[in-house]
Amino acid sequence: MSEDAVLHALTLQMLAWLEERPRTYGDTMEAWRTSCPRMPIWEEVVSGGLVVIVPRAGAGMNGSAVRLTEQGRMLLAAAA
């Protein structure tokens, strides 16, 4: 499997994980943390416009919500 195929599969997995239930930035970083610079899933979904970070008053960055954008939902639906 090529690196691009792996990255795409992991992107879809992350989007599905985010769609399961409400997640915070802290939850997301804990679950999707990586030390491998070749698999920057978080950076891919953010720069690709697939997710958005929604601040919550008084919650700080870790308490901010991470949600799929319309583009993220469409990509996930197309893969189903």
PDB file of N, CA and C in Angstrom:
ATOM      1  N   MET A   1       0.854  -1.173   0.000  1.00  0.00           N
ATOM      2  CA  MET A   1       0.000   0.000   0.000  1.00  0.00           C
ATOM      3  C   MET A   1       0.906   1.244   0.000  1.00  0.00           C
ATOM      4  N   SER A   2       0.598   2.186  -0.850  1.00  0.00           N
ATOM      5  CA  SER A   2       1.407   3.404  -0.950  1.00  0.00           C
ATOM      6  C   SER A   2       1.178   4.305   0.260  1.00  0.00           C
ATOM      7  N   GLU A   3       2.111   5.218   0.457  1.00  0.00           N
ATOM      8  CA  GLU A   3       1.981   6.173   1.566  1.00  0.00           C
ATOM      9  C   GLU A   3       0.723   7.026   1.402  1.00  0.00           C
ATOM     10  N   ASP A   4       0.402   7.416   0.161  1.00  0.00           N
ATOM     11  CA  ASP A   4      -0.812   8.206  -0.083  1.00  0.00           C
ATOM     12  C   ASP A   4      -2.069   7.423   0.285  1.00  0.00           C
ATOM     13  N   ALA A   5      -2.084   6.130  -0.035  1.00  0.00           N
ATOM     14  CA  ALA A   5      -3.244   5.297   0.290  1.00  0.00           C
ATOM     15  C   ALA A   5      -3.395   5.145   1.801  1.00  0.00           C
ATOM     16  N   VAL A   6      -2.272   4.990   2.494  1.00  0.00           N
ATOM     17  CA  VAL A   6      -2.302   4.887   3.955  1.00  0.00           C
ATOM     18  C   VAL A   6      -2.810   6.196   4.555  1.00  0.00           C
ATOM     19  N   LEU A   7      -2.300   7.309   4.063  1.00  0.00           N
ATOM     20  CA  LEU A   7      -2.725   8.617   4.553  1.00  0.00           C
ATOM     21  C   LEU A   7      -4.222   8.822   4.327  1.00  0.00           C
ATOM     22  N   HIS A   8      -4.720   8.434   3.160  1.00  0.00           N
ATOM     23  CA  HIS A   8      -6.153   8.562   2.862  1.00  0.00           C
ATOM     24  C   HIS A   8      -6.981   7.682   3.808  1.00  0.00           C
ATOM     25  N   ALA A   9      -6.541   6.455   4.010  1.00  0.00           N
ATOM     26  CA  ALA A   9      -7.269   5.546   4.899  1.00  0.00           C
ATOM     27  C   ALA A   9      -7.301   6.082   6.330  1.00  0.00           C
ATOM     28  N   LEU A  10      -6.181   6.608   6.801  1.00  0.00           N
ATOM     29  CA  LEU A  10      -6.137   7.163   8.150  1.00  0.00           C
ATOM     30  C   LEU A  10      -6.978   8.433   8.260  1.00  0.00           C
ATOM     31  N   THR A  11      -6.996   9.219   7.195  1.00  0.00           N
ATOM     32  CA  THR A  11      -7.843  10.415   7.183  1.00  0.00           C
ATOM     33  C   THR A  11      -9.309  10.025   7.331  1.00  0.00           C
ATOM     34  N   LEU A  12      -9.733   9.036   6.576  1.00  0.00           N
ATOM     35  CA  LEU A  12     -11.124   8.575   6.682  1.00  0.00           C
ATOM     36  C   LEU A  12     -11.419   8.005   8.066  1.00  0.00           C
ATOM     37  N   GLN A  13     -10.453   7.294   8.626  1.00  0.00           N
ATOM     38  CA  GLN A  13     -10.632   6.741   9.962  1.00  0.00           C
ATOM     39  C   GLN A  13     -10.793   7.858  10.988  1.00  0.00           C
ATOM     40  N   MET A  14      -9.982   8.902  10.862  1.00  0.00           N
ATOM     41  CA  MET A  14     -10.093  10.024  11.792  1.00  0.00           C
ATOM     42  C   MET A  14     -11.427  10.735  11.634  1.00  0.00           C
ATOM     43  N   LEU A  15     -11.846  10.965  10.410  1.00  0.00           N
ATOM     44  CA  LEU A  15     -13.131  11.631  10.179  1.00  0.00           C
ATOM     45  C   LEU A  15     -14.281  10.815  10.762  1.00  0.00           C
ATOM     46  N   ALA A  16     -14.245   9.503  10.578  1.00  0.00           N
ATOM     47  CA  ALA A  16     -15.288   8.633  11.130  1.00  0.00           C
ATOM     48  C   ALA A  16     -15.274   8.691  12.661  1.00  0.00           C
ATOM     49  N   TRP A  17     -14.076   8.712  13.247  1.00  0.00           N
ATOM     50  CA  TRP A  17     -13.940   8.803  14.696  1.00  0.00           C
ATOM     51  C   TRP A  17     -14.535  10.107  15.213  1.00  0.00           C
ATOM     52  N   LEU A  18     -14.265  11.201  14.526  1.00  0.00           N
ATOM     53  CA  LEU A  18     -14.811  12.500  14.924  1.00  0.00           C
ATOM     54  C   LEU A  18     -16.325  12.549  14.766  1.00  0.00           C
ATOM     55  N   GLU A  19     -16.842  11.849  13.780  1.00  0.00           N
ATOM     56  CA  GLU A  19     -18.278  11.864  13.501  1.00  0.00           C
ATOM     57  C   GLU A  19     -19.064  11.025  14.521  1.00  0.00           C
ATOM     58  N   GLU A  20     -18.401  10.057  15.179  1.00  0.00           N
ATOM     59  CA  GLU A  20     -19.081   9.163  16.124  1.00  0.00           C
ATOM     60  C   GLU A  20     -19.786   9.900  17.256  1.00  0.00           C
ATOM     61  N   ARG A  21     -19.110  10.907  17.811  1.00  0.00           N
ATOM     62  CA  ARG A  21     -19.662  11.656  18.945  1.00  0.00           C
ATOM     63  C   ARG A  21     -18.875  12.947  19.088  1.00  0.00           C
ATOM     64  N   PRO A  22     -19.365  13.894  19.862  1.00  0.00           N
ATOM     65  CA  PRO A  22     -18.623  15.146  20.042  1.00  0.00           C
ATOM     66  C   PRO A  22     -17.232  14.878  20.621  1.00  0.00           C
ATOM     67  N   ARG A  23     -16.237  15.552  20.068  1.00  0.00           N
ATOM     68  CA  ARG A  23     -14.849  15.411  20.524  1.00  0.00           C
ATOM     69  C   ARG A  23     -14.261  16.792  20.780  1.00  0.00           C
ATOM     70  N   THR A  24     -13.372  16.850  21.739  1.00  0.00           N
ATOM     71  CA  THR A  24     -12.657  18.093  22.000  1.00  0.00           C
ATOM     72  C   THR A  24     -11.289  18.029  21.332  1.00  0.00           C
ATOM     73  N   TYR A  25     -10.649  19.176  21.273  1.00  0.00           N
ATOM     74  CA  TYR A  25      -9.284  19.239  20.760  1.00  0.00           C
ATOM     75  C   TYR A  25      -8.374  18.355  21.614  1.00  0.00           C
ATOM     76  N   GLY A  26      -8.557  18.411  22.932  1.00  0.00           N
ATOM     77  CA  GLY A  26      -7.758  17.575  23.838  1.00  0.00           C
ATOM     78  C   GLY A  26      -7.958  16.093  23.565  1.00  0.00           C
ATOM     79  N   ASP A  27      -9.213  15.661  23.384  1.00  0.00           N
ATOM     80  CA  ASP A  27      -9.513  14.259  23.037  1.00  0.00           C
ATOM     81  C   ASP A  27      -8.796  13.860  21.754  1.00  0.00           C
ATOM     82  N   THR A  28      -8.900  14.745  20.776  1.00  0.00           N
ATOM     83  CA  THR A  28      -8.353  14.462  19.456  1.00  0.00           C
ATOM     84  C   THR A  28      -6.836  14.350  19.491  1.00  0.00           C
ATOM     85  N   MET A  29      -6.188  15.265  20.178  1.00  0.00           N
ATOM     86  CA  MET A  29      -4.729  15.216  20.262  1.00  0.00           C
ATOM     87  C   MET A  29      -4.265  13.977  21.018  1.00  0.00           C
ATOM     88  N   GLU A  30      -4.990  13.591  22.039  1.00  0.00           N
ATOM     89  CA  GLU A  30      -4.636  12.388  22.799  1.00  0.00           C
ATOM     90  C   GLU A  30      -4.772  11.137  21.925  1.00  0.00           C
ATOM     91  N   ALA A  31      -5.848  11.039  21.194  1.00  0.00           N
ATOM     92  CA  ALA A  31      -6.104   9.841  20.383  1.00  0.00           C
ATOM     93  C   ALA A  31      -5.279   9.795  19.099  1.00  0.00           C
ATOM     94  N   TRP A  32      -4.978  10.943  18.528  1.00  0.00           N
ATOM     95  CA  TRP A  32      -4.326  10.971  17.215  1.00  0.00           C
ATOM     96  C   TRP A  32      -2.913  11.527  17.241  1.00  0.00           C
ATOM     97  N   ARG A  33      -2.301  11.567  18.386  1.00  0.00           N
ATOM     98  CA  ARG A  33      -0.929  12.050  18.518  1.00  0.00           C
ATOM     99  C   ARG A  33       0.003  11.088  17.777  1.00  0.00           C
ATOM    100  N   THR A  34       0.999  11.643  17.123  1.00  0.00           N
ATOM    101  CA  THR A  34       1.996  10.814  16.457  1.00  0.00           C
ATOM    102  C   THR A  34       3.350  11.497  16.517  1.00  0.00           C
ATOM    103  N   SER A  35       4.367  10.702  16.567  1.00  0.00           N
ATOM    104  CA  SER A  35       5.728  11.244  16.510  1.00  0.00           C
ATOM    105  C   SER A  35       6.330  10.992  15.135  1.00  0.00           C
ATOM    106  N   CYS A  36       5.534  10.441  14.243  1.00  0.00           N
ATOM    107  CA  CYS A  36       6.005  10.130  12.897  1.00  0.00           C
ATOM    108  C   CYS A  36       5.716  11.301  11.959  1.00  0.00           C
ATOM    109  N   PRO A  37       6.744  11.998  11.501  1.00  0.00           N
ATOM    110  CA  PRO A  37       6.502  13.153  10.623  1.00  0.00           C
ATOM    111  C   PRO A  37       5.939  12.771   9.251  1.00  0.00           C
ATOM    112  N   ARG A  38       5.928  11.486   8.924  1.00  0.00           N
ATOM    113  CA  ARG A  38       5.409  11.053   7.626  1.00  0.00           C
ATOM    114  C   ARG A  38       3.907  10.818   7.655  1.00  0.00           C
ATOM    115  N   MET A  39       3.296  10.817   8.829  1.00  0.00           N
ATOM    116  CA  MET A  39       1.858  10.566   8.949  1.00  0.00           C
ATOM    117  C   MET A  39       1.169  11.707   9.680  1.00  0.00           C
ATOM    118  N   PRO A  40       1.172  12.886   9.109  1.00  0.00           N
ATOM    119  CA  PRO A  40       0.587  14.064   9.781  1.00  0.00           C
ATOM    120  C   PRO A  40      -0.925  14.165   9.568  1.00  0.00           C
ATOM    121  N   ILE A  41      -1.669  13.212  10.077  1.00  0.00           N
ATOM    122  CA  ILE A  41      -3.114  13.165   9.825  1.00  0.00           C
ATOM    123  C   ILE A  41      -3.798  14.450  10.278  1.00  0.00           C
ATOM    124  N   TRP A  42      -3.484  14.910  11.483  1.00  0.00           N
ATOM    125  CA  TRP A  42      -4.125  16.126  11.986  1.00  0.00           C
ATOM    126  C   TRP A  42      -3.878  17.289  11.044  1.00  0.00           C
ATOM    127  N   GLU A  43      -2.634  17.477  10.640  1.00  0.00           N
ATOM    128  CA  GLU A  43      -2.303  18.580   9.744  1.00  0.00           C
ATOM    129  C   GLU A  43      -3.041  18.454   8.410  1.00  0.00           C
ATOM    130  N   GLU A  44      -3.185  17.236   7.932  1.00  0.00           N
ATOM    131  CA  GLU A  44      -3.890  16.996   6.656  1.00  0.00           C
ATOM    132  C   GLU A  44      -5.365  17.386   6.750  1.00  0.00           C
ATOM    133  N   VAL A  45      -6.038  16.978   7.824  1.00  0.00           N
ATOM    134  CA  VAL A  45      -7.477  17.267   7.912  1.00  0.00           C
ATOM    135  C   VAL A  45      -7.740  18.749   8.153  1.00  0.00           C
ATOM    136  N   VAL A  46      -6.838  19.409   8.893  1.00  0.00           N
ATOM    137  CA  VAL A  46      -7.005  20.839   9.135  1.00  0.00           C
ATOM    138  C   VAL A  46      -6.720  21.632   7.865  1.00  0.00           C
ATOM    139  N   SER A  47      -5.560  21.396   7.258  1.00  0.00           N
ATOM    140  CA  SER A  47      -5.190  22.160   6.061  1.00  0.00           C
ATOM    141  C   SER A  47      -6.099  21.835   4.881  1.00  0.00           C
ATOM    142  N   GLY A  48      -6.667  20.635   4.879  1.00  0.00           N
ATOM    143  CA  GLY A  48      -7.588  20.247   3.811  1.00  0.00           C
ATOM    144  C   GLY A  48      -8.996  20.775   4.010  1.00  0.00           C
ATOM    145  N   GLY A  49      -9.242  21.477   5.110  1.00  0.00           N
ATOM    146  CA  GLY A  49     -10.569  22.030   5.364  1.00  0.00           C
ATOM    147  C   GLY A  49     -11.596  20.978   5.722  1.00  0.00           C
ATOM    148  N   LEU A  50     -11.137  19.835   6.250  1.00  0.00           N
ATOM    149  CA  LEU A  50     -12.053  18.739   6.570  1.00  0.00           C
ATOM    150  C   LEU A  50     -12.615  18.834   7.989  1.00  0.00           C
ATOM    151  N   VAL A  51     -11.907  19.567   8.861  1.00  0.00           N
ATOM    152  CA  VAL A  51     -12.375  19.780  10.230  1.00  0.00           C
ATOM    153  C   VAL A  51     -12.192  21.242  10.599  1.00  0.00           C
ATOM    154  N   VAL A  52     -12.884  21.632  11.638  1.00  0.00           N
ATOM    155  CA  VAL A  52     -12.779  22.989  12.171  1.00  0.00           C
ATOM    156  C   VAL A  52     -12.709  22.880  13.691  1.00  0.00           C
ATOM    157  N   ILE A  53     -11.940  23.772  14.297  1.00  0.00           N
ATOM    158  CA  ILE A  53     -11.849  23.851  15.750  1.00  0.00           C
ATOM    159  C   ILE A  53     -12.776  24.979  16.194  1.00  0.00           C
ATOM    160  N   VAL A  54     -13.709  24.658  17.069  1.00  0.00           N
ATOM    161  CA  VAL A  54     -14.700  25.629  17.526  1.00  0.00           C
ATOM    162  C   VAL A  54     -14.438  25.951  18.998  1.00  0.00           C
ATOM    163  N   PRO A  55     -13.990  27.177  19.281  1.00  0.00           N
ATOM    164  CA  PRO A  55     -13.714  27.550  20.672  1.00  0.00           C
ATOM    165  C   PRO A  55     -14.981  27.486  21.524  1.00  0.00           C
ATOM    166  N   ARG A  56     -14.802  27.128  22.787  1.00  0.00           N
ATOM    167  CA  ARG A  56     -15.873  27.145  23.774  1.00  0.00           C
ATOM    168  C   ARG A  56     -15.466  28.133  24.860  1.00  0.00           C
ATOM    169  N   ALA A  57     -16.356  29.009  25.193  1.00  0.00           N
ATOM    170  CA  ALA A  57     -16.061  30.044  26.201  1.00  0.00           C
ATOM    171  C   ALA A  57     -15.546  29.409  27.488  1.00  0.00           C
ATOM    172  N   GLY A  58     -14.377  29.854  27.910  1.00  0.00           N
ATOM    173  CA  GLY A  58     -13.805  29.400  29.160  1.00  0.00           C
ATOM    174  C   GLY A  58     -13.198  28.013  29.153  1.00  0.00           C
ATOM    175  N   ALA A  59     -13.223  27.322  28.015  1.00  0.00           N
ATOM    176  CA  ALA A  59     -12.751  25.943  27.970  1.00  0.00           C
ATOM    177  C   ALA A  59     -11.284  25.822  27.574  1.00  0.00           C
ATOM    178  N   GLY A  60     -10.692  26.898  27.069  1.00  0.00           N
ATOM    179  CA  GLY A  60      -9.319  26.816  26.593  1.00  0.00           C
ATOM    180  C   GLY A  60      -9.221  25.982  25.333  1.00  0.00           C
ATOM    181  N   MET A  61      -8.020  25.874  24.805  1.00  0.00           N
ATOM    182  CA  MET A  61      -7.832  25.141  23.551  1.00  0.00           C
ATOM    183  C   MET A  61      -8.211  23.671  23.690  1.00  0.00           C
ATOM    184  N   ASN A  62      -7.803  23.024  24.787  1.00  0.00           N
ATOM    185  CA  ASN A  62      -8.109  21.598  24.943  1.00  0.00           C
ATOM    186  C   ASN A  62      -9.600  21.317  25.016  1.00  0.00           C
ATOM    187  N   GLY A  63     -10.382  22.281  25.457  1.00  0.00           N
ATOM    188  CA  GLY A  63     -11.828  22.102  25.551  1.00  0.00           C
ATOM    189  C   GLY A  63     -12.590  22.531  24.318  1.00  0.00           C
ATOM    190  N   SER A  64     -11.872  23.069  23.330  1.00  0.00           N
ATOM    191  CA  SER A  64     -12.525  23.479  22.080  1.00  0.00           C
ATOM    192  C   SER A  64     -13.055  22.254  21.346  1.00  0.00           C
ATOM    193  N   ALA A  65     -14.166  22.417  20.661  1.00  0.00           N
ATOM    194  CA  ALA A  65     -14.764  21.316  19.902  1.00  0.00           C
ATOM    195  C   ALA A  65     -14.046  21.145  18.565  1.00  0.00           C
ATOM    196  N   VAL A  66     -13.935  19.902  18.133  1.00  0.00           N
ATOM    197  CA  VAL A  66     -13.423  19.596  16.800  1.00  0.00           C
ATOM    198  C   VAL A  66     -14.584  18.983  16.033  1.00  0.00           C
ATOM    199  N   ARG A  67     -14.930  19.603  14.924  1.00  0.00           N
ATOM    200  CA  ARG A  67     -16.093  19.162  14.143  1.00  0.00           C
ATOM    201  C   ARG A  67     -15.731  19.016  12.679  1.00  0.00           C
ATOM    202  N   LEU A  68     -16.434  18.124  12.032  1.00  0.00           N
ATOM    203  CA  LEU A  68     -16.263  17.976  10.588  1.00  0.00           C
ATOM    204  C   LEU A  68     -16.876  19.165   9.880  1.00  0.00           C
ATOM    205  N   THR A  69     -16.248  19.593   8.807  1.00  0.00           N
ATOM    206  CA  THR A  69     -16.838  20.604   7.939  1.00  0.00           C
ATOM    207  C   THR A  69     -17.743  19.878   6.950  1.00  0.00           C
ATOM    208  N   GLU A  70     -18.453  20.625   6.155  1.00  0.00           N
ATOM    209  CA  GLU A  70     -19.268  20.017   5.102  1.00  0.00           C
ATOM    210  C   GLU A  70     -18.385  19.199   4.163  1.00  0.00           C
ATOM    211  N   GLN A  71     -17.226  19.729   3.851  1.00  0.00           N
ATOM    212  CA  GLN A  71     -16.289  19.012   2.982  1.00  0.00           C
ATOM    213  C   GLN A  71     -15.842  17.692   3.622  1.00  0.00           C
ATOM    214  N   GLY A  72     -15.585  17.707   4.919  1.00  0.00           N
ATOM    215  CA  GLY A  72     -15.210  16.483   5.636  1.00  0.00           C
ATOM    216  C   GLY A  72     -16.320  15.462   5.629  1.00  0.00           C
ATOM    217  N   ARG A  73     -17.563  15.909   5.848  1.00  0.00           N
ATOM    218  CA  ARG A  73     -18.715  14.999   5.811  1.00  0.00           C
ATOM    219  C   ARG A  73     -18.910  14.413   4.418  1.00  0.00           C
ATOM    220  N   MET A  74     -18.698  15.236   3.392  1.00  0.00           N
ATOM    221  CA  MET A  74     -18.863  14.757   2.015  1.00  0.00           C
ATOM    222  C   MET A  74     -17.805  13.703   1.674  1.00  0.00           C
ATOM    223  N   LEU A  75     -16.561  13.915   2.092  1.00  0.00           N
ATOM    224  CA  LEU A  75     -15.503  12.948   1.839  1.00  0.00           C
ATOM    225  C   LEU A  75     -15.806  11.638   2.531  1.00  0.00           C
ATOM    226  N   LEU A  76     -16.248  11.707   3.769  1.00  0.00           N
ATOM    227  CA  LEU A  76     -16.590  10.510   4.526  1.00  0.00           C
ATOM    228  C   LEU A  76     -17.761   9.766   3.897  1.00  0.00           C
ATOM    229  N   ALA A  77     -18.780  10.506   3.479  1.00  0.00           N
ATOM    230  CA  ALA A  77     -19.947   9.889   2.830  1.00  0.00           C
ATOM    231  C   ALA A  77     -19.572   9.251   1.499  1.00  0.00           C
ATOM    232  N   ALA A  78     -18.697   9.882   0.746  1.00  0.00           N
ATOM    233  CA  ALA A  78     -18.274   9.340  -0.556  1.00  0.00           C
ATOM    234  C   ALA A  78     -17.504   8.038  -0.392  1.00  0.00           C
ATOM    235  N   ALA A  79     -16.843   7.887   0.735  1.00  0.00           N
ATOM    236  CA  ALA A  79     -16.044   6.684   0.963  1.00  0.00           C
ATOM    237  C   ALA A  79     -16.898   5.517   1.475  1.00  0.00           C
ATOM    238  N   ALA A  80     -18.104   5.826   1.923  1.00  0.00           N
ATOM    239  CA  ALA A  80     -18.967   4.769   2.519  1.00  0.00           C
ATOM    240  C   ALA A  80     -19.569   3.883   1.459  1.00  0.00           C
TER     241      ALA A  80
END
